[in-house]
Amino acid sequence: MSNIIIGGANEVQVLVQSILNAMTSIIQQHGLELLQRYPDDLLVHDKATLEEYAVPGARIAWMVGHSHTHIVPLGLSAKENDKVTYMTNLANDDRFYIIKVHPGRFTMGELSREQFAALKHTPVMYTREGGVSSFWLKHHKNRVGYIALQNVGTMHEPKVSATITPVSGISALDRSALEMWCQHAIVELSRTLFVRQEVTWAEPIRLAQVA
């Protein structure tokens, strides 16, 4: 498992670019044709996901082949964990990795197909307290934020307005989890993946206001 330390200004951007550089090296090392066939899958789509979820404490599953690359943040939601099962059944020559993000550094190690599939069982740290349209998100027993949704569209043009109210002092990983659970709730409420949305982050509230 490689161990890469990051430092300096724009730490998030530097970290994400360093992870992408490591991914690119692996793709080239194994002679995969992804960057010739579908470069945007890595350099646009995977990059955007890393910018959201590559924060200290994150564990990220990554698989790559000649014509596909997929990454899944682990431990935030059972729905996300389940995706690794699908990712092990795409092609015989795919490669599988686990990325662990620490403050200022990350590690990346290769896994067997069986080890990668077992990531489905990564313990989920977050639970929902409430219904679909309004709920608290809890990290273990602690509330980290409140999510409120409202259908503001029509049957033919679904649209959901969402407000995320974080608890003051939560971690970057908690914020990533709030974003993920909000997205899942939007799809659940609208019953379609093809829904317009507007997500607003409200001012943080103090823990005393949560009790």
N, C-alpha and C. Protein backbone atom coordinates (compact mmCIF):
# COMPACT_ATOMS: atom_id res chain seq x y z
N MET A 1 0.85 -1.19 0.00
CA MET A 1 0.00 0.00 0.00
C MET A 1 0.89 1.23 0.00
N SER A 2 0.67 2.13 -0.96
CA SER A 2 1.46 3.35 -1.03
C SER A 2 0.94 4.36 -0.03
N ASN A 3 1.84 5.20 0.47
CA ASN A 3 1.52 6.21 1.48
C ASN A 3 2.03 7.54 0.97
N ILE A 4 1.12 8.45 0.63
CA ILE A 4 1.49 9.71 0.01
C ILE A 4 1.07 10.86 0.91
N ILE A 5 2.03 11.74 1.26
CA ILE A 5 1.80 12.85 2.17
C ILE A 5 1.61 14.14 1.38
N ILE A 6 0.60 14.91 1.77
CA ILE A 6 0.27 16.15 1.07
C ILE A 6 0.47 17.32 2.03
N GLY A 7 0.94 18.45 1.52
CA GLY A 7 1.07 19.63 2.36
C GLY A 7 0.99 20.88 1.52
N GLY A 8 0.93 22.04 2.19
CA GLY A 8 0.95 23.29 1.45
C GLY A 8 -0.43 23.87 1.27
N ALA A 9 -0.47 24.96 0.47
CA ALA A 9 -1.72 25.68 0.24
C ALA A 9 -2.67 24.87 -0.61
N ASN A 10 -3.95 25.28 -0.56
CA ASN A 10 -4.99 24.61 -1.33
C ASN A 10 -4.94 23.10 -1.12
N GLU A 11 -4.98 22.72 0.14
CA GLU A 11 -4.74 21.31 0.49
C GLU A 11 -5.75 20.38 -0.17
N VAL A 12 -7.02 20.78 -0.24
CA VAL A 12 -8.03 19.91 -0.84
C VAL A 12 -7.72 19.68 -2.31
N GLN A 13 -7.45 20.75 -3.04
CA GLN A 13 -7.16 20.62 -4.46
C GLN A 13 -5.89 19.81 -4.69
N VAL A 14 -4.89 20.06 -3.85
CA VAL A 14 -3.63 19.33 -3.98
C VAL A 14 -3.85 17.84 -3.69
N LEU A 15 -4.64 17.55 -2.66
CA LEU A 15 -4.93 16.17 -2.32
C LEU A 15 -5.65 15.46 -3.45
N VAL A 16 -6.69 16.07 -3.97
CA VAL A 16 -7.46 15.46 -5.06
C VAL A 16 -6.57 15.23 -6.28
N GLN A 17 -5.76 16.22 -6.63
CA GLN A 17 -4.89 16.06 -7.79
C GLN A 17 -3.87 14.96 -7.55
N SER A 18 -3.38 14.84 -6.33
CA SER A 18 -2.41 13.78 -6.02
C SER A 18 -3.06 12.40 -6.12
N ILE A 19 -4.30 12.28 -5.69
CA ILE A 19 -5.01 11.01 -5.84
C ILE A 19 -5.21 10.70 -7.32
N LEU A 20 -5.61 11.71 -8.10
CA LEU A 20 -5.78 11.50 -9.54
C LEU A 20 -4.46 11.11 -10.20
N ASN A 21 -3.37 11.71 -9.76
CA ASN A 21 -2.06 11.36 -10.32
C ASN A 21 -1.72 9.90 -10.02
N ALA A 22 -2.04 9.47 -8.78
CA ALA A 22 -1.79 8.08 -8.42
C ALA A 22 -2.67 7.14 -9.24
N MET A 23 -3.92 7.53 -9.46
CA MET A 23 -4.82 6.73 -10.30
C MET A 23 -4.27 6.62 -11.72
N THR A 24 -3.83 7.75 -12.25
CA THR A 24 -3.30 7.77 -13.62
C THR A 24 -2.08 6.87 -13.74
N SER A 25 -1.22 6.89 -12.75
CA SER A 25 -0.03 6.03 -12.77
C SER A 25 -0.42 4.56 -12.79
N ILE A 26 -1.44 4.19 -11.99
CA ILE A 26 -1.90 2.80 -11.96
C ILE A 26 -2.48 2.40 -13.31
N ILE A 27 -3.28 3.29 -13.90
CA ILE A 27 -3.87 3.00 -15.22
C ILE A 27 -2.78 2.76 -16.25
N GLN A 28 -1.77 3.59 -16.24
CA GLN A 28 -0.66 3.43 -17.19
C GLN A 28 0.16 2.19 -16.87
N GLN A 29 0.40 1.93 -15.60
CA GLN A 29 1.20 0.78 -15.19
C GLN A 29 0.60 -0.53 -15.69
N HIS A 30 -0.72 -0.64 -15.66
CA HIS A 30 -1.39 -1.88 -16.05
C HIS A 30 -1.85 -1.87 -17.51
N GLY A 31 -1.46 -0.85 -18.26
CA GLY A 31 -1.79 -0.81 -19.68
C GLY A 31 -3.27 -0.69 -19.96
N LEU A 32 -4.02 -0.08 -19.07
CA LEU A 32 -5.45 0.10 -19.28
C LEU A 32 -5.69 1.24 -20.25
N GLU A 33 -6.74 1.14 -21.05
CA GLU A 33 -7.00 2.09 -22.14
C GLU A 33 -8.02 3.16 -21.77
N LEU A 34 -8.31 3.29 -20.49
CA LEU A 34 -9.36 4.22 -20.05
C LEU A 34 -9.10 5.64 -20.52
N LEU A 35 -7.87 6.13 -20.37
CA LEU A 35 -7.58 7.52 -20.70
C LEU A 35 -7.63 7.78 -22.20
N GLN A 36 -7.52 6.74 -23.00
CA GLN A 36 -7.69 6.90 -24.44
C GLN A 36 -9.16 6.82 -24.83
N ARG A 37 -9.92 6.02 -24.11
CA ARG A 37 -11.32 5.80 -24.48
C ARG A 37 -12.27 6.80 -23.80
N TYR A 38 -12.18 6.89 -22.50
CA TYR A 38 -13.13 7.71 -21.74
C TYR A 38 -12.41 8.52 -20.67
N PRO A 39 -11.55 9.46 -21.05
CA PRO A 39 -10.77 10.21 -20.06
C PRO A 39 -11.63 11.02 -19.09
N ASP A 40 -12.79 11.51 -19.56
CA ASP A 40 -13.63 12.34 -18.68
C ASP A 40 -14.18 11.55 -17.50
N ASP A 41 -14.29 10.22 -17.66
CA ASP A 41 -14.80 9.42 -16.54
C ASP A 41 -13.90 9.57 -15.32
N LEU A 42 -12.60 9.68 -15.55
CA LEU A 42 -11.66 9.87 -14.45
C LEU A 42 -11.45 11.34 -14.14
N LEU A 43 -11.15 12.13 -15.18
CA LEU A 43 -10.67 13.50 -14.99
C LEU A 43 -11.79 14.50 -14.72
N VAL A 44 -13.03 14.12 -14.97
CA VAL A 44 -14.17 15.00 -14.70
C VAL A 44 -15.06 14.39 -13.60
N HIS A 45 -15.59 13.20 -13.87
CA HIS A 45 -16.59 12.63 -12.96
C HIS A 45 -15.97 12.12 -11.66
N ASP A 46 -14.91 11.32 -11.77
CA ASP A 46 -14.26 10.86 -10.54
C ASP A 46 -13.65 12.02 -9.77
N LYS A 47 -13.11 12.98 -10.48
CA LYS A 47 -12.53 14.15 -9.82
C LYS A 47 -13.59 14.88 -9.00
N ALA A 48 -14.78 15.07 -9.57
CA ALA A 48 -15.85 15.77 -8.86
C ALA A 48 -16.25 15.02 -7.60
N THR A 49 -16.30 13.70 -7.68
CA THR A 49 -16.65 12.91 -6.50
C THR A 49 -15.57 13.00 -5.44
N LEU A 50 -14.32 12.95 -5.86
CA LEU A 50 -13.21 13.08 -4.91
C LEU A 50 -13.24 14.45 -4.23
N GLU A 51 -13.56 15.48 -4.98
CA GLU A 51 -13.61 16.83 -4.38
C GLU A 51 -14.66 16.90 -3.28
N GLU A 52 -15.69 16.08 -3.38
CA GLU A 52 -16.75 16.07 -2.38
C GLU A 52 -16.42 15.16 -1.19
N TYR A 53 -15.79 14.02 -1.47
CA TYR A 53 -15.70 12.99 -0.44
C TYR A 53 -14.28 12.65 0.03
N ALA A 54 -13.24 13.15 -0.63
CA ALA A 54 -11.87 12.85 -0.20
C ALA A 54 -11.46 13.78 0.93
N VAL A 55 -11.99 13.50 2.12
CA VAL A 55 -11.74 14.31 3.31
C VAL A 55 -11.17 13.39 4.38
N PRO A 56 -10.51 13.94 5.40
CA PRO A 56 -9.94 13.09 6.45
C PRO A 56 -10.97 12.15 7.06
N GLY A 57 -10.58 10.89 7.15
CA GLY A 57 -11.48 9.87 7.68
C GLY A 57 -12.20 9.08 6.60
N ALA A 58 -12.12 9.54 5.35
CA ALA A 58 -12.84 8.88 4.26
C ALA A 58 -12.15 7.58 3.85
N ARG A 59 -12.97 6.61 3.49
CA ARG A 59 -12.51 5.37 2.86
C ARG A 59 -13.25 5.28 1.53
N ILE A 60 -12.51 5.16 0.45
CA ILE A 60 -13.09 5.22 -0.89
C ILE A 60 -12.69 3.99 -1.68
N ALA A 61 -13.70 3.28 -2.21
CA ALA A 61 -13.45 2.13 -3.07
C ALA A 61 -13.31 2.62 -4.51
N TRP A 62 -12.31 2.08 -5.22
CA TRP A 62 -12.09 2.47 -6.62
C TRP A 62 -11.84 1.24 -7.45
N MET A 63 -12.55 1.12 -8.55
CA MET A 63 -12.27 0.08 -9.53
C MET A 63 -12.07 0.73 -10.87
N VAL A 64 -11.21 0.10 -11.71
CA VAL A 64 -10.88 0.69 -13.01
C VAL A 64 -10.59 -0.43 -14.00
N GLY A 65 -11.01 -0.17 -15.25
CA GLY A 65 -10.74 -1.11 -16.33
C GLY A 65 -10.48 -0.35 -17.62
N HIS A 66 -10.51 -1.05 -18.71
CA HIS A 66 -10.24 -0.41 -20.01
C HIS A 66 -11.28 0.64 -20.37
N SER A 67 -12.53 0.42 -19.97
CA SER A 67 -13.60 1.31 -20.44
C SER A 67 -14.45 1.88 -19.30
N HIS A 68 -14.00 1.74 -18.05
CA HIS A 68 -14.80 2.28 -16.96
C HIS A 68 -13.93 2.52 -15.73
N THR A 69 -14.37 3.48 -14.93
CA THR A 69 -13.80 3.74 -13.61
C THR A 69 -14.94 4.17 -12.71
N HIS A 70 -14.95 3.64 -11.50
CA HIS A 70 -16.01 3.97 -10.56
C HIS A 70 -15.41 4.12 -9.16
N ILE A 71 -15.87 5.11 -8.42
CA ILE A 71 -15.46 5.25 -7.03
C ILE A 71 -16.69 5.36 -6.14
N VAL A 72 -16.56 4.79 -4.94
CA VAL A 72 -17.67 4.77 -3.99
C VAL A 72 -17.16 5.15 -2.61
N PRO A 73 -17.68 6.21 -2.00
CA PRO A 73 -17.35 6.51 -0.61
C PRO A 73 -17.98 5.45 0.30
N LEU A 74 -17.19 4.90 1.19
CA LEU A 74 -17.65 3.81 2.04
C LEU A 74 -17.98 4.29 3.45
N GLY A 75 -18.90 3.59 4.09
CA GLY A 75 -19.19 3.84 5.49
C GLY A 75 -20.13 5.00 5.77
N LEU A 76 -20.60 5.67 4.71
CA LEU A 76 -21.52 6.79 4.89
C LEU A 76 -22.98 6.36 4.74
N SER A 77 -23.21 5.37 3.87
CA SER A 77 -24.57 4.94 3.58
C SER A 77 -24.54 3.50 3.06
N ALA A 78 -25.48 2.70 3.50
CA ALA A 78 -25.57 1.32 3.01
C ALA A 78 -25.83 1.28 1.51
N LYS A 79 -26.58 2.26 1.01
CA LYS A 79 -26.86 2.31 -0.43
C LYS A 79 -25.57 2.45 -1.23
N GLU A 80 -24.63 3.26 -0.73
CA GLU A 80 -23.37 3.42 -1.42
C GLU A 80 -22.51 2.16 -1.28
N ASN A 81 -22.45 1.61 -0.09
CA ASN A 81 -21.69 0.37 0.11
C ASN A 81 -22.11 -0.72 -0.87
N ASP A 82 -23.41 -0.83 -1.11
CA ASP A 82 -23.94 -1.89 -1.97
C ASP A 82 -23.40 -1.82 -3.39
N LYS A 83 -22.95 -0.64 -3.83
CA LYS A 83 -22.50 -0.47 -5.20
C LYS A 83 -21.26 -1.29 -5.53
N VAL A 84 -20.45 -1.63 -4.52
CA VAL A 84 -19.24 -2.38 -4.82
C VAL A 84 -19.56 -3.75 -5.38
N THR A 85 -20.72 -4.32 -5.04
CA THR A 85 -21.10 -5.63 -5.58
C THR A 85 -21.25 -5.55 -7.09
N TYR A 86 -21.93 -4.53 -7.58
CA TYR A 86 -22.08 -4.33 -9.02
C TYR A 86 -20.73 -4.13 -9.68
N MET A 87 -19.85 -3.41 -9.01
CA MET A 87 -18.56 -3.05 -9.60
C MET A 87 -17.61 -4.22 -9.76
N THR A 88 -17.87 -5.34 -9.09
CA THR A 88 -17.01 -6.51 -9.23
C THR A 88 -17.42 -7.40 -10.38
N ASN A 89 -18.48 -7.06 -11.09
CA ASN A 89 -19.02 -7.95 -12.13
C ASN A 89 -19.00 -7.33 -13.53
N LEU A 90 -18.06 -6.42 -13.78
CA LEU A 90 -18.06 -5.72 -15.07
C LEU A 90 -17.11 -6.34 -16.09
N ALA A 91 -15.89 -6.65 -15.70
CA ALA A 91 -14.91 -7.21 -16.65
C ALA A 91 -13.86 -8.02 -15.90
N ASN A 92 -13.31 -9.03 -16.57
CA ASN A 92 -12.36 -9.92 -15.91
C ASN A 92 -11.02 -9.26 -15.59
N ASP A 93 -10.65 -8.22 -16.36
CA ASP A 93 -9.33 -7.61 -16.17
C ASP A 93 -9.39 -6.29 -15.39
N ASP A 94 -10.49 -6.03 -14.69
CA ASP A 94 -10.58 -4.83 -13.86
C ASP A 94 -9.62 -4.92 -12.67
N ARG A 95 -9.21 -3.75 -12.16
CA ARG A 95 -8.35 -3.66 -10.99
C ARG A 95 -9.14 -2.98 -9.86
N PHE A 96 -8.80 -3.35 -8.62
CA PHE A 96 -9.58 -2.89 -7.47
C PHE A 96 -8.67 -2.30 -6.39
N TYR A 97 -9.12 -1.17 -5.80
CA TYR A 97 -8.28 -0.45 -4.84
C TYR A 97 -9.12 0.11 -3.70
N ILE A 98 -8.44 0.37 -2.58
CA ILE A 98 -9.04 1.08 -1.46
C ILE A 98 -8.18 2.31 -1.19
N ILE A 99 -8.82 3.46 -1.10
CA ILE A 99 -8.13 4.72 -0.80
C ILE A 99 -8.57 5.16 0.59
N LYS A 100 -7.60 5.45 1.45
CA LYS A 100 -7.89 5.94 2.80
C LYS A 100 -7.29 7.33 2.94
N VAL A 101 -8.12 8.27 3.35
CA VAL A 101 -7.70 9.67 3.44
C VAL A 101 -7.47 10.03 4.90
N HIS A 102 -6.30 10.60 5.17
CA HIS A 102 -5.92 11.05 6.50
C HIS A 102 -5.61 12.54 6.42
N PRO A 103 -5.48 13.23 7.53
CA PRO A 103 -5.12 14.65 7.46
C PRO A 103 -3.78 14.84 6.73
N GLY A 104 -3.83 15.49 5.58
CA GLY A 104 -2.61 15.80 4.84
C GLY A 104 -2.01 14.67 4.05
N ARG A 105 -2.65 13.51 4.00
CA ARG A 105 -2.07 12.39 3.25
C ARG A 105 -3.15 11.37 2.90
N PHE A 106 -2.80 10.44 2.03
CA PHE A 106 -3.70 9.34 1.72
C PHE A 106 -2.88 8.08 1.43
N THR A 107 -3.53 6.95 1.56
CA THR A 107 -2.92 5.68 1.18
C THR A 107 -3.80 5.04 0.13
N MET A 108 -3.18 4.25 -0.74
CA MET A 108 -3.92 3.55 -1.78
C MET A 108 -3.35 2.14 -1.90
N GLY A 109 -4.19 1.14 -1.74
CA GLY A 109 -3.74 -0.24 -1.81
C GLY A 109 -4.62 -1.07 -2.73
N GLU A 110 -4.01 -2.02 -3.41
CA GLU A 110 -4.78 -2.87 -4.33
C GLU A 110 -5.42 -4.02 -3.56
N LEU A 111 -6.62 -4.41 -3.98
CA LEU A 111 -7.38 -5.50 -3.38
C LEU A 111 -7.69 -6.55 -4.42
N SER A 112 -7.93 -7.76 -3.96
CA SER A 112 -8.46 -8.79 -4.85
C SER A 112 -9.94 -8.50 -5.12
N ARG A 113 -10.49 -9.17 -6.10
CA ARG A 113 -11.92 -9.00 -6.39
C ARG A 113 -12.77 -9.38 -5.17
N GLU A 114 -12.37 -10.44 -4.48
CA GLU A 114 -13.12 -10.90 -3.31
C GLU A 114 -13.00 -9.89 -2.16
N GLN A 115 -11.81 -9.36 -1.95
CA GLN A 115 -11.63 -8.36 -0.89
C GLN A 115 -12.43 -7.10 -1.19
N PHE A 116 -12.47 -6.72 -2.47
CA PHE A 116 -13.22 -5.53 -2.87
C PHE A 116 -14.72 -5.74 -2.63
N ALA A 117 -15.23 -6.91 -3.01
CA ALA A 117 -16.65 -7.21 -2.80
C ALA A 117 -17.00 -7.15 -1.32
N ALA A 118 -16.06 -7.54 -0.46
CA ALA A 118 -16.31 -7.55 0.98
C ALA A 118 -16.44 -6.15 1.56
N LEU A 119 -16.02 -5.12 0.80
CA LEU A 119 -16.17 -3.74 1.27
C LEU A 119 -17.63 -3.35 1.44
N LYS A 120 -18.52 -4.13 0.84
CA LYS A 120 -19.95 -3.90 1.03
C LYS A 120 -20.30 -3.90 2.52
N HIS A 121 -19.54 -4.63 3.30
CA HIS A 121 -19.84 -4.79 4.72
C HIS A 121 -19.14 -3.75 5.59
N THR A 122 -18.55 -2.72 4.97
CA THR A 122 -17.96 -1.63 5.74
C THR A 122 -19.01 -1.06 6.69
N PRO A 123 -18.72 -0.97 7.99
CA PRO A 123 -19.72 -0.44 8.94
C PRO A 123 -20.17 0.97 8.55
N VAL A 124 -21.47 1.19 8.55
CA VAL A 124 -22.04 2.50 8.22
C VAL A 124 -22.14 3.32 9.51
N MET A 125 -21.54 4.50 9.49
CA MET A 125 -21.45 5.33 10.70
C MET A 125 -22.65 6.26 10.89
N TYR A 126 -23.53 6.35 9.87
CA TYR A 126 -24.59 7.36 9.90
C TYR A 126 -25.97 6.72 9.81
N THR A 127 -26.93 7.32 10.51
CA THR A 127 -28.31 6.86 10.47
C THR A 127 -29.24 8.07 10.38
N ARG A 128 -30.43 7.80 9.89
CA ARG A 128 -31.44 8.86 9.76
C ARG A 128 -32.44 8.77 10.90
N GLU A 129 -32.75 9.91 11.49
CA GLU A 129 -33.74 9.99 12.56
C GLU A 129 -34.88 10.89 12.07
N GLY A 130 -35.96 10.27 11.62
CA GLY A 130 -37.07 11.04 11.08
C GLY A 130 -37.55 10.43 9.78
N GLY A 131 -38.38 11.18 9.04
CA GLY A 131 -38.93 10.70 7.79
C GLY A 131 -38.08 11.07 6.60
N VAL A 132 -38.66 10.91 5.40
CA VAL A 132 -37.92 11.20 4.18
C VAL A 132 -37.75 12.70 3.97
N SER A 133 -38.80 13.47 4.23
CA SER A 133 -38.77 14.89 3.90
C SER A 133 -38.13 15.77 4.96
N SER A 134 -37.97 15.25 6.18
CA SER A 134 -37.31 16.02 7.23
C SER A 134 -36.71 15.05 8.24
N PHE A 135 -35.43 15.17 8.48
CA PHE A 135 -34.79 14.23 9.39
C PHE A 135 -33.46 14.78 9.89
N TRP A 136 -33.06 14.26 11.06
CA TRP A 136 -31.72 14.49 11.59
C TRP A 136 -30.81 13.40 11.06
N LEU A 137 -29.59 13.76 10.75
CA LEU A 137 -28.58 12.75 10.44
C LEU A 137 -27.69 12.60 11.67
N LYS A 138 -27.47 11.34 12.05
CA LYS A 138 -26.68 11.06 13.26
C LYS A 138 -25.41 10.31 12.89
N HIS A 139 -24.30 10.73 13.47
CA HIS A 139 -23.03 10.01 13.38
C HIS A 139 -22.92 9.21 14.67
N HIS A 140 -23.11 7.89 14.55
CA HIS A 140 -23.29 7.06 15.72
C HIS A 140 -24.47 7.64 16.53
N LYS A 141 -24.27 8.14 17.74
CA LYS A 141 -25.39 8.65 18.53
C LYS A 141 -25.51 10.17 18.48
N ASN A 142 -24.61 10.83 17.78
CA ASN A 142 -24.58 12.30 17.79
C ASN A 142 -25.21 12.88 16.53
N ARG A 143 -26.10 13.83 16.72
CA ARG A 143 -26.70 14.53 15.58
C ARG A 143 -25.68 15.46 14.94
N VAL A 144 -25.58 15.38 13.61
CA VAL A 144 -24.61 16.23 12.91
C VAL A 144 -25.29 17.25 12.00
N GLY A 145 -26.59 17.11 11.76
CA GLY A 145 -27.27 18.08 10.92
C GLY A 145 -28.71 17.69 10.65
N TYR A 146 -29.47 18.67 10.18
CA TYR A 146 -30.89 18.49 9.91
C TYR A 146 -31.13 18.76 8.43
N ILE A 147 -31.92 17.90 7.79
CA ILE A 147 -32.22 18.03 6.36
C ILE A 147 -33.73 18.15 6.18
N ALA A 148 -34.16 19.19 5.47
CA ALA A 148 -35.57 19.42 5.19
C ALA A 148 -35.76 19.53 3.68
N LEU A 149 -36.71 18.77 3.14
CA LEU A 149 -36.99 18.75 1.71
C LEU A 149 -38.42 19.18 1.42
N GLN A 150 -38.62 19.74 0.23
CA GLN A 150 -39.97 20.14 -0.18
C GLN A 150 -40.09 19.98 -1.69
N ASN A 151 -41.16 19.30 -2.10
CA ASN A 151 -41.45 19.20 -3.53
C ASN A 151 -41.95 20.56 -4.02
N VAL A 152 -41.25 21.14 -4.99
CA VAL A 152 -41.66 22.45 -5.52
C VAL A 152 -41.92 22.40 -7.02
N GLY A 153 -41.83 21.19 -7.60
CA GLY A 153 -42.04 21.05 -9.04
C GLY A 153 -43.41 20.51 -9.35
N THR A 154 -43.54 19.92 -10.53
CA THR A 154 -44.80 19.32 -10.98
C THR A 154 -44.56 17.85 -11.30
N MET A 155 -45.63 17.14 -11.64
CA MET A 155 -45.50 15.74 -11.99
C MET A 155 -44.60 15.56 -13.21
N HIS A 156 -44.72 16.48 -14.15
CA HIS A 156 -43.94 16.37 -15.39
C HIS A 156 -42.56 17.01 -15.27
N GLU A 157 -42.38 17.92 -14.35
CA GLU A 157 -41.09 18.56 -14.13
C GLU A 157 -40.78 18.56 -12.63
N PRO A 158 -40.39 17.38 -12.11
CA PRO A 158 -40.14 17.29 -10.67
C PRO A 158 -38.96 18.16 -10.24
N LYS A 159 -39.12 18.79 -9.10
CA LYS A 159 -38.06 19.61 -8.53
C LYS A 159 -38.18 19.58 -7.02
N VAL A 160 -37.05 19.47 -6.35
CA VAL A 160 -37.03 19.41 -4.89
C VAL A 160 -36.12 20.51 -4.36
N SER A 161 -36.63 21.23 -3.37
CA SER A 161 -35.84 22.22 -2.66
C SER A 161 -35.39 21.60 -1.34
N ALA A 162 -34.09 21.71 -1.05
CA ALA A 162 -33.55 21.09 0.15
C ALA A 162 -32.74 22.10 0.95
N THR A 163 -32.87 22.02 2.26
CA THR A 163 -32.06 22.84 3.16
C THR A 163 -31.31 21.93 4.13
N ILE A 164 -29.99 22.09 4.16
CA ILE A 164 -29.15 21.32 5.08
C ILE A 164 -28.67 22.27 6.17
N THR A 165 -28.98 21.93 7.41
CA THR A 165 -28.55 22.75 8.56
C THR A 165 -27.56 21.94 9.37
N PRO A 166 -26.26 22.22 9.24
CA PRO A 166 -25.26 21.44 9.98
C PRO A 166 -25.17 21.88 11.43
N VAL A 167 -24.72 20.97 12.27
CA VAL A 167 -24.40 21.31 13.65
C VAL A 167 -23.01 21.93 13.67
N SER A 168 -22.83 22.97 14.44
CA SER A 168 -21.55 23.66 14.50
C SER A 168 -20.44 22.72 14.96
N GLY A 169 -19.29 22.80 14.28
CA GLY A 169 -18.13 22.04 14.70
C GLY A 169 -18.03 20.63 14.16
N ILE A 170 -18.92 20.23 13.26
CA ILE A 170 -18.85 18.88 12.72
C ILE A 170 -17.65 18.76 11.78
N SER A 171 -17.28 17.53 11.49
CA SER A 171 -16.11 17.27 10.64
C SER A 171 -16.46 17.40 9.17
N ALA A 172 -15.42 17.45 8.34
CA ALA A 172 -15.62 17.46 6.89
C ALA A 172 -16.30 16.18 6.42
N LEU A 173 -16.01 15.06 7.09
CA LEU A 173 -16.66 13.80 6.73
C LEU A 173 -18.16 13.86 7.06
N ASP A 174 -18.51 14.48 8.17
CA ASP A 174 -19.93 14.66 8.51
C ASP A 174 -20.64 15.49 7.45
N ARG A 175 -19.98 16.53 6.97
CA ARG A 175 -20.59 17.37 5.93
C ARG A 175 -20.79 16.57 4.64
N SER A 176 -19.81 15.74 4.30
CA SER A 176 -19.96 14.88 3.12
C SER A 176 -21.14 13.93 3.29
N ALA A 177 -21.29 13.39 4.49
CA ALA A 177 -22.41 12.49 4.75
C ALA A 177 -23.75 13.22 4.63
N LEU A 178 -23.81 14.45 5.13
CA LEU A 178 -25.04 15.24 5.00
C LEU A 178 -25.40 15.44 3.53
N GLU A 179 -24.41 15.76 2.73
CA GLU A 179 -24.66 15.96 1.29
C GLU A 179 -25.16 14.66 0.66
N MET A 180 -24.53 13.54 0.99
CA MET A 180 -24.93 12.26 0.41
C MET A 180 -26.35 11.89 0.81
N TRP A 181 -26.66 12.00 2.12
CA TRP A 181 -28.00 11.63 2.58
C TRP A 181 -29.06 12.57 2.02
N CYS A 182 -28.70 13.80 1.80
CA CYS A 182 -29.62 14.74 1.17
C CYS A 182 -29.93 14.30 -0.26
N GLN A 183 -28.91 13.93 -1.01
CA GLN A 183 -29.12 13.48 -2.38
C GLN A 183 -29.98 12.23 -2.44
N HIS A 184 -29.70 11.29 -1.55
CA HIS A 184 -30.51 10.07 -1.51
C HIS A 184 -31.97 10.40 -1.18
N ALA A 185 -32.19 11.31 -0.24
CA ALA A 185 -33.55 11.67 0.16
C ALA A 185 -34.29 12.37 -0.98
N ILE A 186 -33.58 13.19 -1.74
CA ILE A 186 -34.21 13.87 -2.88
C ILE A 186 -34.74 12.85 -3.88
N VAL A 187 -33.93 11.84 -4.19
CA VAL A 187 -34.37 10.80 -5.12
C VAL A 187 -35.53 10.01 -4.52
N GLU A 188 -35.45 9.69 -3.23
CA GLU A 188 -36.52 8.93 -2.58
C GLU A 188 -37.82 9.71 -2.56
N LEU A 189 -37.74 10.99 -2.29
CA LEU A 189 -38.95 11.81 -2.22
C LEU A 189 -39.58 11.99 -3.60
N SER A 190 -38.76 12.26 -4.60
CA SER A 190 -39.28 12.53 -5.95
C SER A 190 -39.55 11.25 -6.74
N ARG A 191 -38.96 10.13 -6.29
CA ARG A 191 -39.13 8.83 -6.93
C ARG A 191 -38.58 8.80 -8.35
N THR A 192 -37.57 9.59 -8.58
CA THR A 192 -36.90 9.58 -9.88
C THR A 192 -35.48 10.12 -9.73
N LEU A 193 -34.59 9.59 -10.56
CA LEU A 193 -33.21 10.10 -10.60
C LEU A 193 -33.13 11.42 -11.36
N PHE A 194 -34.14 11.64 -12.19
CA PHE A 194 -34.13 12.81 -13.07
C PHE A 194 -34.96 13.93 -12.46
N VAL A 195 -34.42 14.52 -11.43
CA VAL A 195 -35.13 15.55 -10.71
C VAL A 195 -34.24 16.78 -10.58
N ARG A 196 -34.81 17.93 -10.86
CA ARG A 196 -34.08 19.17 -10.61
C ARG A 196 -34.06 19.44 -9.12
N GLN A 197 -33.03 20.11 -8.68
CA GLN A 197 -32.91 20.34 -7.24
C GLN A 197 -32.19 21.64 -6.97
N GLU A 198 -32.51 22.18 -5.81
CA GLU A 198 -31.75 23.32 -5.30
C GLU A 198 -31.46 23.04 -3.82
N VAL A 199 -30.18 22.98 -3.51
CA VAL A 199 -29.74 22.63 -2.15
C VAL A 199 -29.10 23.85 -1.51
N THR A 200 -29.58 24.21 -0.34
CA THR A 200 -29.07 25.36 0.41
C THR A 200 -28.49 24.89 1.73
N TRP A 201 -27.29 25.37 2.04
CA TRP A 201 -26.70 25.11 3.35
C TRP A 201 -27.02 26.29 4.26
N ALA A 202 -27.73 26.01 5.35
CA ALA A 202 -28.06 27.05 6.32
C ALA A 202 -26.89 27.27 7.27
N GLU A 203 -27.00 28.34 8.06
CA GLU A 203 -25.97 28.61 9.06
C GLU A 203 -25.94 27.49 10.09
N PRO A 204 -24.75 27.09 10.55
CA PRO A 204 -24.67 26.02 11.56
C PRO A 204 -25.40 26.38 12.84
N ILE A 205 -25.93 25.39 13.50
CA ILE A 205 -26.57 25.58 14.79
C ILE A 205 -25.69 24.96 15.88
N ARG A 206 -25.78 25.50 17.09
CA ARG A 206 -24.98 25.00 18.19
C ARG A 206 -25.54 23.68 18.71
N LEU A 207 -24.68 22.87 19.28
CA LEU A 207 -25.11 21.58 19.80
C LEU A 207 -26.19 21.74 20.86
N ALA A 208 -26.14 22.80 21.65
CA ALA A 208 -27.15 23.02 22.69
C ALA A 208 -28.55 23.16 22.10
N GLN A 209 -28.63 23.65 20.84
CA GLN A 209 -29.92 23.82 20.19
C GLN A 209 -30.48 22.51 19.67
N VAL A 210 -29.62 21.49 19.61
CA VAL A 210 -30.01 20.20 19.06
C VAL A 210 -30.64 19.30 20.10
N ALA A 211 -30.22 19.44 21.34
CA ALA A 211 -30.66 18.53 22.41
C ALA A 211 -32.17 18.54 22.58
